[in-house]
Amino acid sequence: MQFFMWILLCIIIAQRLIELVIANKNEIWMKEQGGVETGERHYKWFIILHSSFFVAMIVEALVRDVTDLELNYFLLFVFIITQIGRIWCIATLGKFWNTKIIVLQDFPLVKKGPYTYIKHPNYIIVGIELFTIPLIFGAIITAIVFPILHILLLMIRIPMEEKALAKANF
């Protein structure tokens, strides 16, 4: 793979690790405010999915020997747009953004930014990323398998999140 692509991969992984730090900080704050967490049982599967995503993508790229792979600028553009969307979601939710389902009853539901238009924009963004990032690295199988796994997990997560929000009387 080209040097730029390895740099891009390191940036993506660093970004995800930074997001976990932000999520952890927000989790602590939310729980101090009386936030209630649900969905603990399925959360581990998100960790497994996202961790194995990077492993699968790297292994597939190495096995396919994509050293001569040219950077696809369209896919890179789509990726950059998703990152703008991701940052918009995180910035809009602020201290309420988290990778877990944590609900605060004494705070209003955020309905601004991308949440004005779509109920779960971050899940759509992640789905697009799970498709485009592997394609940038020539990992076609990863680009097919992981978005499907993501959708399957969301079939559990979204109803659980909706139920938790409804219970909080939003």
N, C-alpha and C. Protein backbone atom coordinates (compact mmCIF):
# COMPACT_ATOMS: atom_id res chain seq x y z
N MET A 1 0.85 -1.19 0.00
CA MET A 1 0.00 0.00 0.00
C MET A 1 0.88 1.23 0.00
N GLN A 2 0.33 2.26 -0.54
CA GLN A 2 1.06 3.52 -0.58
C GLN A 2 1.22 4.06 0.83
N PHE A 3 2.29 4.82 1.01
CA PHE A 3 2.58 5.41 2.31
C PHE A 3 1.41 6.25 2.81
N PHE A 4 0.78 7.02 1.90
CA PHE A 4 -0.35 7.86 2.27
C PHE A 4 -1.49 7.04 2.87
N MET A 5 -1.70 5.87 2.33
CA MET A 5 -2.80 5.04 2.80
C MET A 5 -2.54 4.53 4.22
N TRP A 6 -1.29 4.21 4.53
CA TRP A 6 -0.95 3.78 5.88
C TRP A 6 -1.13 4.96 6.85
N ILE A 7 -0.77 6.15 6.41
CA ILE A 7 -0.97 7.35 7.23
C ILE A 7 -2.46 7.56 7.47
N LEU A 8 -3.26 7.42 6.41
CA LEU A 8 -4.72 7.55 6.54
C LEU A 8 -5.28 6.54 7.53
N LEU A 9 -4.82 5.32 7.45
CA LEU A 9 -5.28 4.28 8.37
C LEU A 9 -4.93 4.64 9.82
N CYS A 10 -3.72 5.12 10.04
CA CYS A 10 -3.31 5.53 11.39
C CYS A 10 -4.16 6.70 11.89
N ILE A 11 -4.50 7.62 11.00
CA ILE A 11 -5.35 8.75 11.38
C ILE A 11 -6.74 8.26 11.78
N ILE A 12 -7.29 7.32 11.01
CA ILE A 12 -8.62 6.79 11.30
C ILE A 12 -8.63 6.08 12.66
N ILE A 13 -7.62 5.26 12.89
CA ILE A 13 -7.54 4.53 14.16
C ILE A 13 -7.35 5.51 15.33
N ALA A 14 -6.50 6.51 15.15
CA ALA A 14 -6.29 7.52 16.20
C ALA A 14 -7.59 8.28 16.47
N GLN A 15 -8.31 8.60 15.41
CA GLN A 15 -9.59 9.30 15.57
C GLN A 15 -10.57 8.46 16.40
N ARG A 16 -10.65 7.18 16.11
CA ARG A 16 -11.55 6.30 16.86
C ARG A 16 -11.15 6.21 18.33
N LEU A 17 -9.85 6.15 18.59
CA LEU A 17 -9.38 6.09 19.98
C LEU A 17 -9.69 7.39 20.73
N ILE A 18 -9.53 8.52 20.05
CA ILE A 18 -9.88 9.81 20.65
C ILE A 18 -11.38 9.85 20.95
N GLU A 19 -12.18 9.33 20.03
CA GLU A 19 -13.63 9.30 20.25
C GLU A 19 -13.99 8.45 21.45
N LEU A 20 -13.28 7.35 21.67
CA LEU A 20 -13.54 6.53 22.85
C LEU A 20 -13.21 7.29 24.14
N VAL A 21 -12.16 8.10 24.10
CA VAL A 21 -11.82 8.92 25.27
C VAL A 21 -12.93 9.94 25.52
N ILE A 22 -13.41 10.58 24.46
CA ILE A 22 -14.51 11.55 24.59
C ILE A 22 -15.76 10.85 25.13
N ALA A 23 -16.08 9.69 24.57
CA ALA A 23 -17.26 8.94 25.00
C ALA A 23 -17.15 8.56 26.48
N ASN A 24 -15.97 8.14 26.90
CA ASN A 24 -15.76 7.78 28.31
C ASN A 24 -15.96 8.98 29.22
N LYS A 25 -15.41 10.11 28.83
CA LYS A 25 -15.57 11.35 29.60
C LYS A 25 -17.05 11.73 29.67
N ASN A 26 -17.74 11.64 28.54
CA ASN A 26 -19.17 11.96 28.52
C ASN A 26 -19.98 10.97 29.35
N GLU A 27 -19.60 9.70 29.31
CA GLU A 27 -20.28 8.68 30.10
C GLU A 27 -20.20 9.01 31.59
N ILE A 28 -19.02 9.37 32.04
CA ILE A 28 -18.82 9.72 33.45
C ILE A 28 -19.71 10.90 33.82
N TRP A 29 -19.70 11.94 32.97
CA TRP A 29 -20.52 13.12 33.24
C TRP A 29 -22.01 12.76 33.27
N MET A 30 -22.45 11.99 32.28
CA MET A 30 -23.87 11.63 32.20
C MET A 30 -24.31 10.82 33.42
N LYS A 31 -23.49 9.89 33.84
CA LYS A 31 -23.85 9.08 35.00
C LYS A 31 -23.84 9.91 36.29
N GLU A 32 -22.95 10.91 36.36
CA GLU A 32 -22.95 11.82 37.51
C GLU A 32 -24.23 12.64 37.55
N GLN A 33 -24.84 12.87 36.37
CA GLN A 33 -26.09 13.62 36.28
C GLN A 33 -27.32 12.73 36.46
N GLY A 34 -27.08 11.44 36.72
CA GLY A 34 -28.19 10.51 36.91
C GLY A 34 -28.53 9.71 35.67
N GLY A 35 -27.67 9.72 34.68
CA GLY A 35 -27.90 8.96 33.45
C GLY A 35 -28.00 7.48 33.70
N VAL A 36 -28.91 6.84 32.97
CA VAL A 36 -29.12 5.40 33.10
C VAL A 36 -28.67 4.72 31.81
N GLU A 37 -27.81 3.72 31.96
CA GLU A 37 -27.31 2.98 30.81
C GLU A 37 -28.15 1.74 30.56
N THR A 38 -28.44 1.49 29.30
CA THR A 38 -29.09 0.25 28.88
C THR A 38 -28.31 -0.32 27.70
N GLY A 39 -28.55 -1.57 27.41
CA GLY A 39 -27.90 -2.19 26.26
C GLY A 39 -26.49 -2.67 26.52
N GLU A 40 -26.15 -2.87 27.77
CA GLU A 40 -24.79 -3.30 28.10
C GLU A 40 -24.44 -4.64 27.46
N ARG A 41 -25.43 -5.51 27.33
CA ARG A 41 -25.16 -6.86 26.83
C ARG A 41 -24.75 -6.86 25.35
N HIS A 42 -25.32 -5.99 24.57
CA HIS A 42 -24.96 -5.99 23.15
C HIS A 42 -23.78 -5.05 22.84
N TYR A 43 -23.44 -4.18 23.76
CA TYR A 43 -22.38 -3.19 23.51
C TYR A 43 -21.05 -3.87 23.17
N LYS A 44 -20.75 -4.98 23.85
CA LYS A 44 -19.48 -5.68 23.60
C LYS A 44 -19.37 -6.10 22.13
N TRP A 45 -20.51 -6.36 21.50
CA TRP A 45 -20.48 -6.78 20.09
C TRP A 45 -20.09 -5.62 19.17
N PHE A 46 -20.41 -4.39 19.57
CA PHE A 46 -19.95 -3.23 18.81
C PHE A 46 -18.44 -3.09 18.93
N ILE A 47 -17.92 -3.32 20.13
CA ILE A 47 -16.47 -3.25 20.33
C ILE A 47 -15.77 -4.31 19.49
N ILE A 48 -16.31 -5.52 19.53
CA ILE A 48 -15.73 -6.62 18.74
C ILE A 48 -15.82 -6.31 17.25
N LEU A 49 -16.98 -5.83 16.80
CA LEU A 49 -17.17 -5.51 15.39
C LEU A 49 -16.18 -4.47 14.91
N HIS A 50 -16.08 -3.37 15.64
CA HIS A 50 -15.22 -2.28 15.19
C HIS A 50 -13.73 -2.60 15.32
N SER A 51 -13.37 -3.38 16.32
CA SER A 51 -11.96 -3.79 16.44
C SER A 51 -11.59 -4.77 15.34
N SER A 52 -12.45 -5.76 15.13
CA SER A 52 -12.15 -6.76 14.10
C SER A 52 -12.25 -6.18 12.70
N PHE A 53 -13.00 -5.11 12.54
CA PHE A 53 -13.08 -4.41 11.25
C PHE A 53 -11.68 -3.99 10.79
N PHE A 54 -10.94 -3.34 11.67
CA PHE A 54 -9.60 -2.88 11.29
C PHE A 54 -8.66 -4.05 11.05
N VAL A 55 -8.74 -5.06 11.87
CA VAL A 55 -7.90 -6.24 11.68
C VAL A 55 -8.22 -6.91 10.34
N ALA A 56 -9.50 -7.11 10.08
CA ALA A 56 -9.91 -7.76 8.83
C ALA A 56 -9.48 -6.95 7.62
N MET A 57 -9.63 -5.66 7.70
CA MET A 57 -9.27 -4.80 6.58
C MET A 57 -7.76 -4.86 6.30
N ILE A 58 -6.98 -4.78 7.34
CA ILE A 58 -5.51 -4.83 7.17
C ILE A 58 -5.08 -6.19 6.64
N VAL A 59 -5.61 -7.26 7.23
CA VAL A 59 -5.25 -8.61 6.78
C VAL A 59 -5.66 -8.81 5.32
N GLU A 60 -6.87 -8.40 4.98
CA GLU A 60 -7.31 -8.58 3.60
C GLU A 60 -6.45 -7.77 2.63
N ALA A 61 -6.11 -6.55 3.00
CA ALA A 61 -5.26 -5.72 2.14
C ALA A 61 -3.89 -6.35 1.96
N LEU A 62 -3.35 -6.92 3.03
CA LEU A 62 -2.03 -7.56 2.94
C LEU A 62 -2.10 -8.85 2.12
N VAL A 63 -3.15 -9.64 2.33
CA VAL A 63 -3.30 -10.89 1.58
C VAL A 63 -3.50 -10.60 0.09
N ARG A 64 -4.27 -9.59 -0.21
CA ARG A 64 -4.53 -9.22 -1.60
C ARG A 64 -3.32 -8.54 -2.24
N ASP A 65 -2.36 -8.16 -1.42
CA ASP A 65 -1.17 -7.45 -1.89
C ASP A 65 -1.55 -6.25 -2.75
N VAL A 66 -2.11 -5.27 -2.08
CA VAL A 66 -2.59 -4.07 -2.76
C VAL A 66 -1.54 -2.95 -2.78
N THR A 67 -0.27 -3.35 -2.84
CA THR A 67 0.81 -2.37 -2.83
C THR A 67 0.74 -1.42 -4.02
N ASP A 68 0.19 -1.88 -5.13
CA ASP A 68 0.09 -1.04 -6.32
C ASP A 68 -1.28 -0.36 -6.44
N LEU A 69 -2.09 -0.46 -5.42
CA LEU A 69 -3.43 0.12 -5.44
C LEU A 69 -3.33 1.65 -5.49
N GLU A 70 -4.02 2.21 -6.47
CA GLU A 70 -4.06 3.66 -6.59
C GLU A 70 -5.15 4.21 -5.67
N LEU A 71 -4.92 5.36 -5.12
CA LEU A 71 -5.90 5.99 -4.25
C LEU A 71 -7.12 6.38 -5.08
N ASN A 72 -8.29 5.97 -4.62
CA ASN A 72 -9.54 6.31 -5.27
C ASN A 72 -10.03 7.62 -4.65
N TYR A 73 -9.96 8.70 -5.41
CA TYR A 73 -10.28 10.02 -4.89
C TYR A 73 -11.77 10.18 -4.60
N PHE A 74 -12.61 9.49 -5.33
CA PHE A 74 -14.04 9.55 -5.05
C PHE A 74 -14.32 8.94 -3.67
N LEU A 75 -13.76 7.75 -3.40
CA LEU A 75 -13.95 7.12 -2.09
C LEU A 75 -13.36 7.97 -0.98
N LEU A 76 -12.22 8.58 -1.24
CA LEU A 76 -11.61 9.47 -0.25
C LEU A 76 -12.53 10.66 0.02
N PHE A 77 -13.14 11.20 -1.03
CA PHE A 77 -14.08 12.31 -0.87
C PHE A 77 -15.28 11.89 -0.02
N VAL A 78 -15.84 10.71 -0.32
CA VAL A 78 -16.97 10.20 0.47
C VAL A 78 -16.56 10.04 1.93
N PHE A 79 -15.38 9.50 2.14
CA PHE A 79 -14.86 9.33 3.51
C PHE A 79 -14.75 10.68 4.22
N ILE A 80 -14.22 11.68 3.56
CA ILE A 80 -14.06 13.01 4.16
C ILE A 80 -15.43 13.60 4.50
N ILE A 81 -16.40 13.43 3.61
CA ILE A 81 -17.76 13.91 3.88
C ILE A 81 -18.34 13.21 5.12
N THR A 82 -18.10 11.90 5.23
CA THR A 82 -18.61 11.19 6.41
C THR A 82 -17.94 11.69 7.68
N GLN A 83 -16.68 12.08 7.58
CA GLN A 83 -15.99 12.60 8.77
C GLN A 83 -16.56 13.94 9.20
N ILE A 84 -16.92 14.75 8.22
CA ILE A 84 -17.58 16.02 8.52
C ILE A 84 -18.91 15.74 9.22
N GLY A 85 -19.65 14.76 8.70
CA GLY A 85 -20.92 14.36 9.33
C GLY A 85 -20.72 13.82 10.73
N ARG A 86 -19.69 13.02 10.90
CA ARG A 86 -19.37 12.44 12.21
C ARG A 86 -19.07 13.54 13.23
N ILE A 87 -18.25 14.49 12.84
CA ILE A 87 -17.89 15.60 13.73
C ILE A 87 -19.13 16.44 14.02
N TRP A 88 -19.99 16.63 13.03
CA TRP A 88 -21.23 17.38 13.22
C TRP A 88 -22.12 16.70 14.27
N CYS A 89 -22.23 15.38 14.18
CA CYS A 89 -23.02 14.62 15.16
C CYS A 89 -22.45 14.76 16.56
N ILE A 90 -21.15 14.57 16.69
CA ILE A 90 -20.50 14.64 18.00
C ILE A 90 -20.61 16.05 18.58
N ALA A 91 -20.37 17.06 17.75
CA ALA A 91 -20.45 18.44 18.21
C ALA A 91 -21.88 18.81 18.60
N THR A 92 -22.85 18.35 17.84
CA THR A 92 -24.25 18.66 18.14
C THR A 92 -24.68 18.06 19.47
N LEU A 93 -24.32 16.81 19.71
CA LEU A 93 -24.72 16.16 20.96
C LEU A 93 -23.89 16.63 22.15
N GLY A 94 -22.66 17.10 21.89
CA GLY A 94 -21.81 17.59 22.97
C GLY A 94 -21.61 16.54 24.04
N LYS A 95 -21.90 16.89 25.29
CA LYS A 95 -21.70 15.96 26.41
C LYS A 95 -22.64 14.77 26.38
N PHE A 96 -23.65 14.83 25.50
CA PHE A 96 -24.61 13.73 25.41
C PHE A 96 -24.16 12.67 24.38
N TRP A 97 -23.09 12.97 23.62
CA TRP A 97 -22.63 12.00 22.62
C TRP A 97 -21.93 10.85 23.32
N ASN A 98 -22.27 9.64 22.92
CA ASN A 98 -21.66 8.48 23.53
C ASN A 98 -21.76 7.29 22.60
N THR A 99 -20.93 6.30 22.84
CA THR A 99 -21.01 5.06 22.08
C THR A 99 -21.95 4.07 22.76
N LYS A 100 -22.39 4.42 23.95
CA LYS A 100 -23.31 3.57 24.71
C LYS A 100 -24.69 4.22 24.72
N ILE A 101 -25.68 3.48 25.17
CA ILE A 101 -27.02 4.03 25.33
C ILE A 101 -27.14 4.49 26.79
N ILE A 102 -27.06 5.80 26.97
CA ILE A 102 -27.19 6.40 28.30
C ILE A 102 -28.23 7.51 28.17
N VAL A 103 -29.25 7.44 29.00
CA VAL A 103 -30.35 8.39 28.92
C VAL A 103 -30.42 9.21 30.19
N LEU A 104 -30.57 10.52 30.00
CA LEU A 104 -30.77 11.46 31.11
C LEU A 104 -32.20 11.97 31.05
N GLN A 105 -32.96 11.76 32.11
CA GLN A 105 -34.38 12.13 32.09
C GLN A 105 -34.62 13.63 32.25
N ASP A 106 -33.76 14.32 32.92
CA ASP A 106 -34.00 15.73 33.21
C ASP A 106 -33.46 16.67 32.13
N PHE A 107 -33.08 16.12 31.00
CA PHE A 107 -32.55 16.92 29.90
C PHE A 107 -33.38 16.66 28.65
N PRO A 108 -33.60 17.69 27.85
CA PRO A 108 -34.40 17.49 26.63
C PRO A 108 -33.62 16.70 25.57
N LEU A 109 -34.36 15.98 24.76
CA LEU A 109 -33.76 15.24 23.66
C LEU A 109 -33.20 16.23 22.64
N VAL A 110 -31.99 15.99 22.17
CA VAL A 110 -31.36 16.88 21.20
C VAL A 110 -32.04 16.68 19.84
N LYS A 111 -32.55 17.78 19.30
CA LYS A 111 -33.25 17.73 18.00
C LYS A 111 -32.75 18.83 17.08
N LYS A 112 -31.46 19.13 17.16
CA LYS A 112 -30.88 20.15 16.30
C LYS A 112 -29.77 19.52 15.47
N GLY A 113 -29.10 20.32 14.65
CA GLY A 113 -28.03 19.80 13.80
C GLY A 113 -28.56 18.70 12.90
N PRO A 114 -27.78 17.63 12.71
CA PRO A 114 -28.24 16.55 11.83
C PRO A 114 -29.46 15.81 12.40
N TYR A 115 -29.67 15.95 13.72
CA TYR A 115 -30.80 15.28 14.37
C TYR A 115 -32.13 15.98 14.05
N THR A 116 -32.06 17.13 13.40
CA THR A 116 -33.26 17.80 12.90
C THR A 116 -33.84 17.02 11.74
N TYR A 117 -32.97 16.39 10.96
CA TYR A 117 -33.36 15.75 9.71
C TYR A 117 -33.48 14.23 9.81
N ILE A 118 -32.61 13.63 10.62
CA ILE A 118 -32.54 12.17 10.72
C ILE A 118 -32.43 11.81 12.21
N LYS A 119 -33.12 10.75 12.59
CA LYS A 119 -33.12 10.36 14.00
C LYS A 119 -31.78 9.78 14.47
N HIS A 120 -31.12 9.01 13.62
CA HIS A 120 -29.86 8.35 14.00
C HIS A 120 -28.80 8.58 12.91
N PRO A 121 -28.37 9.83 12.69
CA PRO A 121 -27.43 10.08 11.59
C PRO A 121 -26.08 9.39 11.76
N ASN A 122 -25.62 9.26 12.99
CA ASN A 122 -24.30 8.65 13.20
C ASN A 122 -24.27 7.19 12.74
N TYR A 123 -25.38 6.47 12.91
CA TYR A 123 -25.41 5.07 12.49
C TYR A 123 -25.31 4.96 10.97
N ILE A 124 -25.91 5.90 10.27
CA ILE A 124 -25.81 5.91 8.80
C ILE A 124 -24.37 6.21 8.38
N ILE A 125 -23.78 7.19 9.04
CA ILE A 125 -22.39 7.57 8.74
C ILE A 125 -21.45 6.38 8.96
N VAL A 126 -21.61 5.69 10.08
CA VAL A 126 -20.75 4.54 10.38
C VAL A 126 -20.95 3.46 9.31
N GLY A 127 -22.18 3.23 8.90
CA GLY A 127 -22.43 2.25 7.85
C GLY A 127 -21.72 2.59 6.55
N ILE A 128 -21.75 3.87 6.18
CA ILE A 128 -21.06 4.31 4.96
C ILE A 128 -19.55 4.13 5.13
N GLU A 129 -19.03 4.45 6.31
CA GLU A 129 -17.60 4.29 6.57
C GLU A 129 -17.18 2.82 6.48
N LEU A 130 -17.99 1.94 7.05
CA LEU A 130 -17.65 0.52 7.03
C LEU A 130 -17.63 -0.04 5.61
N PHE A 131 -18.24 0.67 4.69
CA PHE A 131 -18.22 0.28 3.28
C PHE A 131 -17.06 0.96 2.54
N THR A 132 -16.92 2.27 2.73
CA THR A 132 -15.94 3.02 1.92
C THR A 132 -14.49 2.84 2.39
N ILE A 133 -14.26 2.81 3.70
CA ILE A 133 -12.88 2.71 4.18
C ILE A 133 -12.20 1.44 3.65
N PRO A 134 -12.83 0.27 3.76
CA PRO A 134 -12.16 -0.92 3.22
C PRO A 134 -11.93 -0.84 1.71
N LEU A 135 -12.87 -0.22 0.99
CA LEU A 135 -12.68 -0.10 -0.46
C LEU A 135 -11.48 0.77 -0.79
N ILE A 136 -11.24 1.79 0.02
CA ILE A 136 -10.04 2.62 -0.18
C ILE A 136 -8.79 1.76 -0.09
N PHE A 137 -8.82 0.77 0.79
CA PHE A 137 -7.67 -0.09 1.01
C PHE A 137 -7.72 -1.39 0.21
N GLY A 138 -8.68 -1.50 -0.70
CA GLY A 138 -8.77 -2.68 -1.56
C GLY A 138 -9.30 -3.92 -0.85
N ALA A 139 -9.96 -3.73 0.27
CA ALA A 139 -10.48 -4.86 1.07
C ALA A 139 -11.97 -5.05 0.75
N ILE A 140 -12.24 -5.68 -0.36
CA ILE A 140 -13.61 -5.81 -0.87
C ILE A 140 -14.49 -6.67 0.04
N ILE A 141 -13.97 -7.78 0.52
CA ILE A 141 -14.75 -8.67 1.39
C ILE A 141 -15.13 -7.94 2.68
N THR A 142 -14.18 -7.22 3.26
CA THR A 142 -14.44 -6.45 4.47
C THR A 142 -15.54 -5.40 4.20
N ALA A 143 -15.50 -4.79 3.02
CA ALA A 143 -16.49 -3.77 2.65
C ALA A 143 -17.90 -4.35 2.51
N ILE A 144 -17.99 -5.64 2.28
CA ILE A 144 -19.30 -6.29 2.16
C ILE A 144 -19.76 -6.81 3.52
N VAL A 145 -18.88 -7.50 4.21
CA VAL A 145 -19.25 -8.20 5.45
C VAL A 145 -19.58 -7.23 6.60
N PHE A 146 -18.75 -6.23 6.83
CA PHE A 146 -18.92 -5.41 8.02
C PHE A 146 -20.12 -4.47 7.99
N PRO A 147 -20.49 -3.89 6.86
CA PRO A 147 -21.74 -3.13 6.87
C PRO A 147 -22.96 -4.02 7.18
N ILE A 148 -22.93 -5.25 6.70
CA ILE A 148 -24.03 -6.18 7.00
C ILE A 148 -24.07 -6.49 8.49
N LEU A 149 -22.92 -6.75 9.08
CA LEU A 149 -22.86 -7.00 10.53
C LEU A 149 -23.32 -5.77 11.32
N HIS A 150 -22.95 -4.61 10.83
CA HIS A 150 -23.36 -3.35 11.46
C HIS A 150 -24.89 -3.22 11.45
N ILE A 151 -25.49 -3.51 10.33
CA ILE A 151 -26.95 -3.44 10.21
C ILE A 151 -27.62 -4.43 11.16
N LEU A 152 -27.06 -5.64 11.25
CA LEU A 152 -27.62 -6.64 12.16
C LEU A 152 -27.57 -6.16 13.61
N LEU A 153 -26.46 -5.55 14.00
CA LEU A 153 -26.35 -5.02 15.36
C LEU A 153 -27.32 -3.85 15.58
N LEU A 154 -27.49 -3.04 14.56
CA LEU A 154 -28.41 -1.91 14.69
C LEU A 154 -29.85 -2.36 14.82
N MET A 155 -30.16 -3.55 14.31
CA MET A 155 -31.51 -4.08 14.46
C MET A 155 -31.81 -4.40 15.93
N ILE A 156 -30.78 -4.55 16.72
CA ILE A 156 -30.93 -4.72 18.17
C ILE A 156 -30.83 -3.36 18.86
N ARG A 157 -29.85 -2.61 18.46
CA ARG A 157 -29.52 -1.35 19.15
C ARG A 157 -30.59 -0.27 19.01
N ILE A 158 -31.04 -0.01 17.80
CA ILE A 158 -31.97 1.10 17.59
C ILE A 158 -33.28 0.90 18.36
N PRO A 159 -33.92 -0.27 18.28
CA PRO A 159 -35.14 -0.44 19.09
C PRO A 159 -34.88 -0.29 20.59
N MET A 160 -33.72 -0.75 21.04
CA MET A 160 -33.37 -0.64 22.46
C MET A 160 -33.18 0.83 22.83
N GLU A 161 -32.53 1.57 21.95
CA GLU A 161 -32.32 3.00 22.19
C GLU A 161 -33.65 3.75 22.17
N GLU A 162 -34.49 3.43 21.21
CA GLU A 162 -35.81 4.07 21.12
C GLU A 162 -36.65 3.79 22.37
N LYS A 163 -36.60 2.56 22.84
CA LYS A 163 -37.35 2.18 24.05
C LYS A 163 -36.85 2.96 25.26
N ALA A 164 -35.51 3.10 25.37
CA ALA A 164 -34.93 3.83 26.50
C ALA A 164 -35.33 5.31 26.43
N LEU A 165 -35.34 5.88 25.25
CA LEU A 165 -35.72 7.29 25.09
C LEU A 165 -37.21 7.48 25.38
N ALA A 166 -38.03 6.55 24.92
CA ALA A 166 -39.47 6.63 25.17
C ALA A 166 -39.78 6.52 26.65
N LYS A 167 -39.04 5.64 27.32
CA LYS A 167 -39.21 5.46 28.76
C LYS A 167 -38.86 6.73 29.53
N ALA A 168 -37.94 7.52 28.96
CA ALA A 168 -37.53 8.76 29.59
C ALA A 168 -38.52 9.89 29.27
N ASN A 169 -39.59 9.56 28.56
CA ASN A 169 -40.68 10.51 28.23
C ASN A 169 -40.24 11.67 27.36
N PHE A 170 -39.46 11.36 26.33
CA PHE A 170 -39.07 12.44 25.39
C PHE A 170 -40.18 12.61 24.42
